[in-house]
Amino acid sequence: MSGLKLGDAIPAVKLLDADGATIDLAAMKGAPLVVYFYPKADTPGCTVEAQDFTRLAPEFAHLYAQVLAVSRDAPTKLCKFRDKYGLTVRLASDEDGAVCEAFGTWVEKQNYGRSYMGIERSTFLFGADGKLAKEWRKVRVKGHAEAVLEAAKAL
């Protein structure tokens, strides 16, 4: 599973956001950071999750917490996803899978008896010190964004 343990530093990896700008995760210390991984843009569960984090964005901002949503979709697809649903959560592309590997979210999955590799819906909460404070694995979307917000408030 995760190569990350509680107390580990944010991995030194880079991604592109929906607009093609580079995001350096290790440089995001100084404020709480939520990094959540979702399987695929513009699918039902992933859309609801992104809408939930968008709805709570003002509350995360009140805590100075940044929220970053990561999938292996291309930036152009993320841009369309963001614009279609009016998402304000920052979407990031991990096309080569390096970030998924660093976080341990690229896993073998099963669906209707078929095995395949894919992103495990997971969330990581880092404190302002850049250390992992909490992680959620095999996330169920309903109520998840609220649970992450409560954990961020407790930092």
N, C-alpha and C. Protein backbone atom coordinates (compact mmCIF):
# COMPACT_ATOMS: atom_id res chain seq x y z
N MET A 1 0.84 -1.19 0.00
CA MET A 1 0.00 0.00 0.00
C MET A 1 0.88 1.25 0.00
N SER A 2 0.67 2.10 0.97
CA SER A 2 1.35 3.38 0.98
C SER A 2 2.77 3.25 1.47
N GLY A 3 3.66 3.94 0.78
CA GLY A 3 5.00 4.08 1.29
C GLY A 3 5.04 5.17 2.33
N LEU A 4 3.94 5.88 2.49
CA LEU A 4 3.85 6.97 3.46
C LEU A 4 3.34 6.45 4.79
N LYS A 5 3.93 6.98 5.85
CA LYS A 5 3.46 6.69 7.20
C LYS A 5 3.15 8.03 7.87
N LEU A 6 2.31 7.98 8.89
CA LEU A 6 2.03 9.22 9.62
C LEU A 6 3.35 9.85 10.03
N GLY A 7 3.45 11.15 9.83
CA GLY A 7 4.67 11.88 10.17
C GLY A 7 5.63 12.04 9.01
N ASP A 8 5.42 11.30 7.91
CA ASP A 8 6.28 11.44 6.74
C ASP A 8 6.04 12.78 6.06
N ALA A 9 7.08 13.28 5.39
CA ALA A 9 6.99 14.55 4.67
C ALA A 9 6.23 14.37 3.36
N ILE A 10 5.68 15.47 2.87
CA ILE A 10 5.04 15.48 1.55
C ILE A 10 6.07 15.00 0.54
N PRO A 11 5.71 14.04 -0.30
CA PRO A 11 6.67 13.57 -1.31
C PRO A 11 7.11 14.70 -2.25
N ALA A 12 8.36 14.66 -2.64
CA ALA A 12 8.92 15.66 -3.55
C ALA A 12 8.60 15.26 -4.99
N VAL A 13 7.37 15.52 -5.40
CA VAL A 13 6.91 15.17 -6.75
C VAL A 13 6.24 16.40 -7.37
N LYS A 14 6.15 16.37 -8.69
CA LYS A 14 5.53 17.49 -9.41
C LYS A 14 4.42 16.97 -10.31
N LEU A 15 3.40 17.81 -10.47
CA LEU A 15 2.26 17.50 -11.34
C LEU A 15 1.93 18.72 -12.17
N LEU A 16 1.00 18.54 -13.11
CA LEU A 16 0.46 19.66 -13.87
C LEU A 16 -0.99 19.85 -13.46
N ASP A 17 -1.42 21.10 -13.32
CA ASP A 17 -2.84 21.33 -13.02
C ASP A 17 -3.64 21.38 -14.32
N ALA A 18 -4.93 21.60 -14.21
CA ALA A 18 -5.82 21.59 -15.38
C ALA A 18 -5.42 22.63 -16.42
N ASP A 19 -4.74 23.68 -16.00
CA ASP A 19 -4.31 24.73 -16.93
C ASP A 19 -2.89 24.53 -17.43
N GLY A 20 -2.25 23.42 -17.01
CA GLY A 20 -0.89 23.13 -17.45
C GLY A 20 0.20 23.72 -16.59
N ALA A 21 -0.16 24.37 -15.48
CA ALA A 21 0.84 24.94 -14.57
C ALA A 21 1.44 23.83 -13.71
N THR A 22 2.72 23.95 -13.41
CA THR A 22 3.41 22.96 -12.59
C THR A 22 3.09 23.16 -11.12
N ILE A 23 2.82 22.06 -10.44
CA ILE A 23 2.58 22.06 -8.99
C ILE A 23 3.71 21.25 -8.36
N ASP A 24 4.46 21.87 -7.46
CA ASP A 24 5.53 21.20 -6.73
C ASP A 24 5.00 20.91 -5.33
N LEU A 25 4.63 19.65 -5.07
CA LEU A 25 4.01 19.33 -3.78
C LEU A 25 4.90 19.68 -2.59
N ALA A 26 6.19 19.40 -2.69
CA ALA A 26 7.09 19.66 -1.56
C ALA A 26 7.16 21.14 -1.22
N ALA A 27 6.85 22.00 -2.17
CA ALA A 27 6.88 23.45 -1.94
C ALA A 27 5.59 23.96 -1.30
N MET A 28 4.63 23.08 -1.05
CA MET A 28 3.33 23.50 -0.54
C MET A 28 3.25 23.48 0.99
N LYS A 29 4.40 23.40 1.65
CA LYS A 29 4.41 23.46 3.11
C LYS A 29 4.01 24.86 3.56
N GLY A 30 3.63 24.98 4.83
CA GLY A 30 3.29 26.28 5.38
C GLY A 30 1.81 26.43 5.67
N ALA A 31 1.01 25.54 5.13
CA ALA A 31 -0.43 25.53 5.37
C ALA A 31 -0.89 24.08 5.25
N PRO A 32 -2.00 23.73 5.87
CA PRO A 32 -2.51 22.36 5.69
C PRO A 32 -2.75 22.07 4.21
N LEU A 33 -2.54 20.82 3.83
CA LEU A 33 -2.72 20.41 2.45
C LEU A 33 -3.49 19.09 2.41
N VAL A 34 -4.55 19.08 1.62
CA VAL A 34 -5.33 17.87 1.36
C VAL A 34 -5.00 17.44 -0.06
N VAL A 35 -4.54 16.20 -0.20
CA VAL A 35 -4.30 15.63 -1.53
C VAL A 35 -5.22 14.42 -1.63
N TYR A 36 -6.19 14.49 -2.55
CA TYR A 36 -7.05 13.32 -2.71
C TYR A 36 -6.93 12.78 -4.12
N PHE A 37 -6.96 11.46 -4.21
CA PHE A 37 -6.82 10.74 -5.48
C PHE A 37 -8.17 10.16 -5.86
N TYR A 38 -8.53 10.32 -7.13
CA TYR A 38 -9.80 9.78 -7.62
C TYR A 38 -9.53 9.08 -8.95
N PRO A 39 -10.30 8.04 -9.27
CA PRO A 39 -10.00 7.23 -10.45
C PRO A 39 -10.10 7.92 -11.80
N LYS A 40 -11.19 8.68 -12.06
CA LYS A 40 -11.36 9.21 -13.41
C LYS A 40 -12.31 10.40 -13.42
N ALA A 41 -11.88 11.46 -14.07
CA ALA A 41 -12.71 12.67 -14.18
C ALA A 41 -14.00 12.39 -14.91
N ASP A 42 -15.04 13.10 -14.49
CA ASP A 42 -16.36 13.09 -15.15
C ASP A 42 -17.05 11.73 -15.07
N THR A 43 -16.79 10.99 -13.99
CA THR A 43 -17.55 9.78 -13.69
C THR A 43 -18.39 10.10 -12.45
N PRO A 44 -19.46 9.36 -12.20
CA PRO A 44 -20.39 9.75 -11.14
C PRO A 44 -19.76 9.97 -9.75
N GLY A 45 -19.05 9.00 -9.22
CA GLY A 45 -18.48 9.13 -7.88
C GLY A 45 -17.44 10.23 -7.81
N CYS A 46 -16.62 10.32 -8.84
CA CYS A 46 -15.56 11.33 -8.86
C CYS A 46 -16.14 12.74 -8.97
N THR A 47 -17.23 12.86 -9.71
CA THR A 47 -17.90 14.16 -9.84
C THR A 47 -18.49 14.59 -8.51
N VAL A 48 -19.18 13.69 -7.83
CA VAL A 48 -19.77 14.03 -6.52
C VAL A 48 -18.67 14.41 -5.53
N GLU A 49 -17.58 13.67 -5.52
CA GLU A 49 -16.48 13.99 -4.60
C GLU A 49 -15.92 15.37 -4.87
N ALA A 50 -15.68 15.69 -6.14
CA ALA A 50 -15.15 17.01 -6.50
C ALA A 50 -16.15 18.12 -6.15
N GLN A 51 -17.44 17.86 -6.37
CA GLN A 51 -18.46 18.84 -6.00
C GLN A 51 -18.51 19.04 -4.48
N ASP A 52 -18.35 17.97 -3.72
CA ASP A 52 -18.36 18.08 -2.25
C ASP A 52 -17.19 18.93 -1.76
N PHE A 53 -15.99 18.67 -2.30
CA PHE A 53 -14.83 19.47 -1.90
C PHE A 53 -14.98 20.92 -2.36
N THR A 54 -15.57 21.13 -3.54
CA THR A 54 -15.82 22.49 -4.02
C THR A 54 -16.81 23.21 -3.10
N ARG A 55 -17.87 22.52 -2.70
CA ARG A 55 -18.87 23.12 -1.81
C ARG A 55 -18.24 23.55 -0.48
N LEU A 56 -17.27 22.77 -0.01
CA LEU A 56 -16.62 23.07 1.28
C LEU A 56 -15.36 23.93 1.13
N ALA A 57 -15.04 24.33 -0.10
CA ALA A 57 -13.82 25.10 -0.34
C ALA A 57 -13.70 26.35 0.54
N PRO A 58 -14.79 27.11 0.76
CA PRO A 58 -14.65 28.28 1.63
C PRO A 58 -14.23 27.92 3.07
N GLU A 59 -14.70 26.78 3.55
CA GLU A 59 -14.34 26.36 4.90
C GLU A 59 -12.89 25.89 4.96
N PHE A 60 -12.43 25.20 3.91
CA PHE A 60 -11.01 24.83 3.86
C PHE A 60 -10.15 26.09 3.77
N ALA A 61 -10.58 27.06 2.97
CA ALA A 61 -9.84 28.31 2.82
C ALA A 61 -9.77 29.05 4.14
N HIS A 62 -10.84 29.01 4.93
CA HIS A 62 -10.84 29.65 6.24
C HIS A 62 -9.73 29.07 7.14
N LEU A 63 -9.40 27.79 6.91
CA LEU A 63 -8.32 27.13 7.67
C LEU A 63 -6.97 27.30 6.98
N TYR A 64 -6.95 28.05 5.87
CA TYR A 64 -5.76 28.22 5.02
C TYR A 64 -5.31 26.89 4.42
N ALA A 65 -6.22 25.93 4.33
CA ALA A 65 -5.91 24.61 3.79
C ALA A 65 -6.11 24.61 2.28
N GLN A 66 -5.15 24.03 1.59
CA GLN A 66 -5.24 23.85 0.14
C GLN A 66 -5.77 22.45 -0.14
N VAL A 67 -6.57 22.32 -1.19
CA VAL A 67 -7.10 21.03 -1.59
C VAL A 67 -6.66 20.77 -3.02
N LEU A 68 -6.08 19.59 -3.23
CA LEU A 68 -5.59 19.19 -4.54
C LEU A 68 -6.17 17.83 -4.88
N ALA A 69 -6.84 17.73 -6.03
CA ALA A 69 -7.46 16.49 -6.49
C ALA A 69 -6.62 15.91 -7.62
N VAL A 70 -6.19 14.66 -7.48
CA VAL A 70 -5.25 14.06 -8.43
C VAL A 70 -5.87 12.85 -9.12
N SER A 71 -5.73 12.81 -10.46
CA SER A 71 -6.08 11.63 -11.24
C SER A 71 -5.03 11.48 -12.33
N ARG A 72 -5.16 10.43 -13.12
CA ARG A 72 -4.21 10.23 -14.22
C ARG A 72 -4.74 10.80 -15.53
N ASP A 73 -5.82 11.56 -15.46
CA ASP A 73 -6.38 12.20 -16.65
C ASP A 73 -5.45 13.31 -17.14
N ALA A 74 -5.48 13.56 -18.43
CA ALA A 74 -4.69 14.64 -19.04
C ALA A 74 -5.22 16.00 -18.59
N PRO A 75 -4.36 17.02 -18.53
CA PRO A 75 -4.82 18.36 -18.14
C PRO A 75 -6.00 18.86 -18.97
N THR A 76 -6.04 18.57 -20.25
CA THR A 76 -7.16 19.05 -21.08
C THR A 76 -8.49 18.43 -20.61
N LYS A 77 -8.47 17.16 -20.23
CA LYS A 77 -9.69 16.52 -19.73
C LYS A 77 -10.08 17.12 -18.38
N LEU A 78 -9.08 17.41 -17.54
CA LEU A 78 -9.36 18.02 -16.24
C LEU A 78 -9.97 19.41 -16.41
N CYS A 79 -9.48 20.15 -17.38
CA CYS A 79 -10.01 21.50 -17.65
C CYS A 79 -11.49 21.41 -18.04
N LYS A 80 -11.82 20.46 -18.91
CA LYS A 80 -13.22 20.26 -19.33
C LYS A 80 -14.09 19.84 -18.14
N PHE A 81 -13.57 18.94 -17.30
CA PHE A 81 -14.27 18.47 -16.10
C PHE A 81 -14.55 19.64 -15.15
N ARG A 82 -13.53 20.44 -14.90
CA ARG A 82 -13.66 21.61 -14.02
C ARG A 82 -14.71 22.57 -14.55
N ASP A 83 -14.62 22.88 -15.84
CA ASP A 83 -15.52 23.86 -16.43
C ASP A 83 -16.95 23.35 -16.52
N LYS A 84 -17.12 22.07 -16.83
CA LYS A 84 -18.46 21.49 -16.96
C LYS A 84 -19.24 21.57 -15.67
N TYR A 85 -18.56 21.37 -14.51
CA TYR A 85 -19.24 21.33 -13.22
C TYR A 85 -18.97 22.55 -12.35
N GLY A 86 -18.22 23.52 -12.84
CA GLY A 86 -17.92 24.71 -12.06
C GLY A 86 -17.10 24.39 -10.82
N LEU A 87 -16.17 23.46 -10.93
CA LEU A 87 -15.36 23.05 -9.78
C LEU A 87 -14.32 24.10 -9.43
N THR A 88 -14.13 24.32 -8.15
CA THR A 88 -13.10 25.25 -7.71
C THR A 88 -11.92 24.54 -7.06
N VAL A 89 -12.08 23.25 -6.76
CA VAL A 89 -10.97 22.49 -6.22
C VAL A 89 -9.92 22.38 -7.33
N ARG A 90 -8.64 22.49 -6.97
CA ARG A 90 -7.58 22.44 -7.97
C ARG A 90 -7.37 21.00 -8.43
N LEU A 91 -7.50 20.78 -9.73
CA LEU A 91 -7.36 19.44 -10.30
C LEU A 91 -5.95 19.29 -10.85
N ALA A 92 -5.34 18.12 -10.59
CA ALA A 92 -3.97 17.88 -11.02
C ALA A 92 -3.86 16.57 -11.79
N SER A 93 -2.99 16.58 -12.78
CA SER A 93 -2.79 15.43 -13.65
C SER A 93 -1.50 14.70 -13.29
N ASP A 94 -1.63 13.39 -13.14
CA ASP A 94 -0.49 12.51 -12.91
C ASP A 94 -0.46 11.48 -14.03
N GLU A 95 -0.31 11.96 -15.26
CA GLU A 95 -0.39 11.08 -16.43
C GLU A 95 0.60 9.93 -16.39
N ASP A 96 1.81 10.17 -15.90
CA ASP A 96 2.81 9.10 -15.90
C ASP A 96 2.73 8.20 -14.67
N GLY A 97 1.89 8.57 -13.69
CA GLY A 97 1.69 7.73 -12.52
C GLY A 97 2.72 7.85 -11.43
N ALA A 98 3.68 8.74 -11.56
CA ALA A 98 4.75 8.88 -10.56
C ALA A 98 4.21 9.31 -9.20
N VAL A 99 3.22 10.18 -9.20
CA VAL A 99 2.66 10.66 -7.92
C VAL A 99 1.83 9.55 -7.27
N CYS A 100 1.06 8.83 -8.07
CA CYS A 100 0.30 7.69 -7.54
C CYS A 100 1.25 6.67 -6.91
N GLU A 101 2.38 6.43 -7.56
CA GLU A 101 3.37 5.50 -7.01
C GLU A 101 3.93 6.02 -5.69
N ALA A 102 4.26 7.30 -5.64
CA ALA A 102 4.83 7.89 -4.42
C ALA A 102 3.87 7.79 -3.24
N PHE A 103 2.57 7.91 -3.52
CA PHE A 103 1.56 7.86 -2.46
C PHE A 103 1.02 6.45 -2.24
N GLY A 104 1.35 5.52 -3.12
CA GLY A 104 0.86 4.15 -2.99
C GLY A 104 -0.60 3.99 -3.35
N THR A 105 -1.09 4.79 -4.30
CA THR A 105 -2.50 4.73 -4.67
C THR A 105 -2.75 3.98 -5.98
N TRP A 106 -1.70 3.56 -6.66
CA TRP A 106 -1.84 2.78 -7.90
C TRP A 106 -1.83 1.33 -7.48
N VAL A 107 -2.99 0.69 -7.50
CA VAL A 107 -3.16 -0.65 -6.93
C VAL A 107 -3.91 -1.57 -7.88
N GLU A 108 -3.81 -2.86 -7.59
CA GLU A 108 -4.60 -3.83 -8.33
C GLU A 108 -6.02 -3.78 -7.81
N LYS A 109 -6.97 -3.73 -8.74
CA LYS A 109 -8.39 -3.66 -8.39
C LYS A 109 -9.12 -4.82 -9.04
N GLN A 110 -10.30 -5.09 -8.55
CA GLN A 110 -11.15 -6.15 -9.09
C GLN A 110 -12.51 -5.56 -9.44
N ASN A 111 -13.03 -5.96 -10.60
CA ASN A 111 -14.37 -5.54 -10.98
C ASN A 111 -14.98 -6.66 -11.83
N TYR A 112 -16.06 -7.22 -11.35
CA TYR A 112 -16.74 -8.31 -12.04
C TYR A 112 -15.76 -9.45 -12.37
N GLY A 113 -14.90 -9.77 -11.41
CA GLY A 113 -13.95 -10.87 -11.56
C GLY A 113 -12.73 -10.55 -12.41
N ARG A 114 -12.64 -9.34 -12.90
CA ARG A 114 -11.52 -8.92 -13.73
C ARG A 114 -10.53 -8.11 -12.90
N SER A 115 -9.25 -8.43 -12.99
CA SER A 115 -8.20 -7.68 -12.28
C SER A 115 -7.60 -6.64 -13.21
N TYR A 116 -7.33 -5.47 -12.67
CA TYR A 116 -6.70 -4.41 -13.44
C TYR A 116 -6.05 -3.44 -12.47
N MET A 117 -5.16 -2.61 -12.98
CA MET A 117 -4.50 -1.60 -12.16
C MET A 117 -5.30 -0.29 -12.27
N GLY A 118 -5.42 0.41 -11.14
CA GLY A 118 -6.14 1.67 -11.13
C GLY A 118 -5.87 2.45 -9.86
N ILE A 119 -6.40 3.64 -9.80
CA ILE A 119 -6.23 4.50 -8.62
C ILE A 119 -7.20 4.07 -7.53
N GLU A 120 -6.66 3.86 -6.35
CA GLU A 120 -7.50 3.62 -5.17
C GLU A 120 -7.92 4.99 -4.65
N ARG A 121 -9.21 5.20 -4.51
CA ARG A 121 -9.71 6.48 -4.00
C ARG A 121 -9.16 6.66 -2.58
N SER A 122 -8.27 7.63 -2.42
CA SER A 122 -7.56 7.84 -1.16
C SER A 122 -7.37 9.33 -0.92
N THR A 123 -7.23 9.70 0.35
CA THR A 123 -7.01 11.11 0.71
C THR A 123 -5.91 11.18 1.76
N PHE A 124 -5.08 12.21 1.64
CA PHE A 124 -3.96 12.44 2.55
C PHE A 124 -4.04 13.87 3.07
N LEU A 125 -3.94 14.02 4.38
CA LEU A 125 -3.97 15.35 5.01
C LEU A 125 -2.61 15.63 5.62
N PHE A 126 -1.97 16.69 5.15
CA PHE A 126 -0.68 17.12 5.67
C PHE A 126 -0.86 18.38 6.50
N GLY A 127 -0.14 18.46 7.61
CA GLY A 127 -0.17 19.65 8.44
C GLY A 127 0.65 20.76 7.80
N ALA A 128 0.61 21.94 8.40
CA ALA A 128 1.38 23.08 7.90
C ALA A 128 2.88 22.79 7.89
N ASP A 129 3.31 21.85 8.72
CA ASP A 129 4.72 21.46 8.77
C ASP A 129 5.12 20.54 7.63
N GLY A 130 4.15 20.17 6.77
CA GLY A 130 4.45 19.31 5.64
C GLY A 130 4.48 17.84 5.98
N LYS A 131 4.05 17.47 7.18
CA LYS A 131 4.07 16.08 7.62
C LYS A 131 2.67 15.47 7.51
N LEU A 132 2.62 14.19 7.13
CA LEU A 132 1.34 13.49 7.00
C LEU A 132 0.68 13.35 8.36
N ALA A 133 -0.53 13.92 8.48
CA ALA A 133 -1.27 13.90 9.74
C ALA A 133 -2.34 12.82 9.76
N LYS A 134 -2.92 12.52 8.57
CA LYS A 134 -3.99 11.52 8.51
C LYS A 134 -4.14 11.06 7.07
N GLU A 135 -4.54 9.79 6.92
CA GLU A 135 -4.84 9.28 5.59
C GLU A 135 -6.12 8.46 5.62
N TRP A 136 -6.81 8.45 4.50
CA TRP A 136 -8.02 7.65 4.31
C TRP A 136 -7.80 6.79 3.08
N ARG A 137 -8.10 5.50 3.19
CA ARG A 137 -7.97 4.56 2.07
C ARG A 137 -9.33 3.99 1.72
N LYS A 138 -9.46 3.55 0.49
CA LYS A 138 -10.72 2.94 0.01
C LYS A 138 -11.91 3.81 0.40
N VAL A 139 -11.79 5.06 0.07
CA VAL A 139 -12.77 6.08 0.46
C VAL A 139 -14.14 5.81 -0.15
N ARG A 140 -15.15 6.01 0.66
CA ARG A 140 -16.54 6.07 0.21
C ARG A 140 -16.86 7.56 0.11
N VAL A 141 -17.42 7.99 -1.00
CA VAL A 141 -17.58 9.41 -1.27
C VAL A 141 -18.52 10.11 -0.29
N LYS A 142 -19.66 9.51 0.01
CA LYS A 142 -20.66 10.18 0.84
C LYS A 142 -20.08 10.56 2.21
N GLY A 143 -20.09 11.85 2.50
CA GLY A 143 -19.63 12.36 3.79
C GLY A 143 -18.12 12.46 3.93
N HIS A 144 -17.37 12.07 2.90
CA HIS A 144 -15.91 12.06 3.03
C HIS A 144 -15.31 13.46 3.12
N ALA A 145 -15.74 14.38 2.25
CA ALA A 145 -15.18 15.73 2.28
C ALA A 145 -15.41 16.38 3.64
N GLU A 146 -16.56 16.12 4.22
CA GLU A 146 -16.87 16.66 5.55
C GLU A 146 -15.92 16.08 6.61
N ALA A 147 -15.64 14.78 6.52
CA ALA A 147 -14.72 14.13 7.47
C ALA A 147 -13.31 14.72 7.34
N VAL A 148 -12.88 14.98 6.12
CA VAL A 148 -11.56 15.57 5.91
C VAL A 148 -11.52 16.99 6.48
N LEU A 149 -12.59 17.74 6.29
CA LEU A 149 -12.66 19.10 6.85
C LEU A 149 -12.57 19.06 8.36
N GLU A 150 -13.29 18.14 9.00
CA GLU A 150 -13.22 18.03 10.46
C GLU A 150 -11.81 17.69 10.93
N ALA A 151 -11.13 16.80 10.21
CA ALA A 151 -9.75 16.45 10.57
C ALA A 151 -8.82 17.66 10.38
N ALA A 152 -9.05 18.44 9.34
CA ALA A 152 -8.24 19.65 9.10
C ALA A 152 -8.46 20.67 10.22
N LYS A 153 -9.69 20.77 10.68
CA LYS A 153 -9.97 21.69 11.79
C LYS A 153 -9.24 21.28 13.07
N ALA A 154 -9.00 19.98 13.23
CA ALA A 154 -8.36 19.46 14.44
C ALA A 154 -6.83 19.62 14.42
N LEU A 155 -6.26 20.03 13.27
CA LEU A 155 -4.81 20.19 13.20
C LEU A 155 -4.32 21.31 14.09
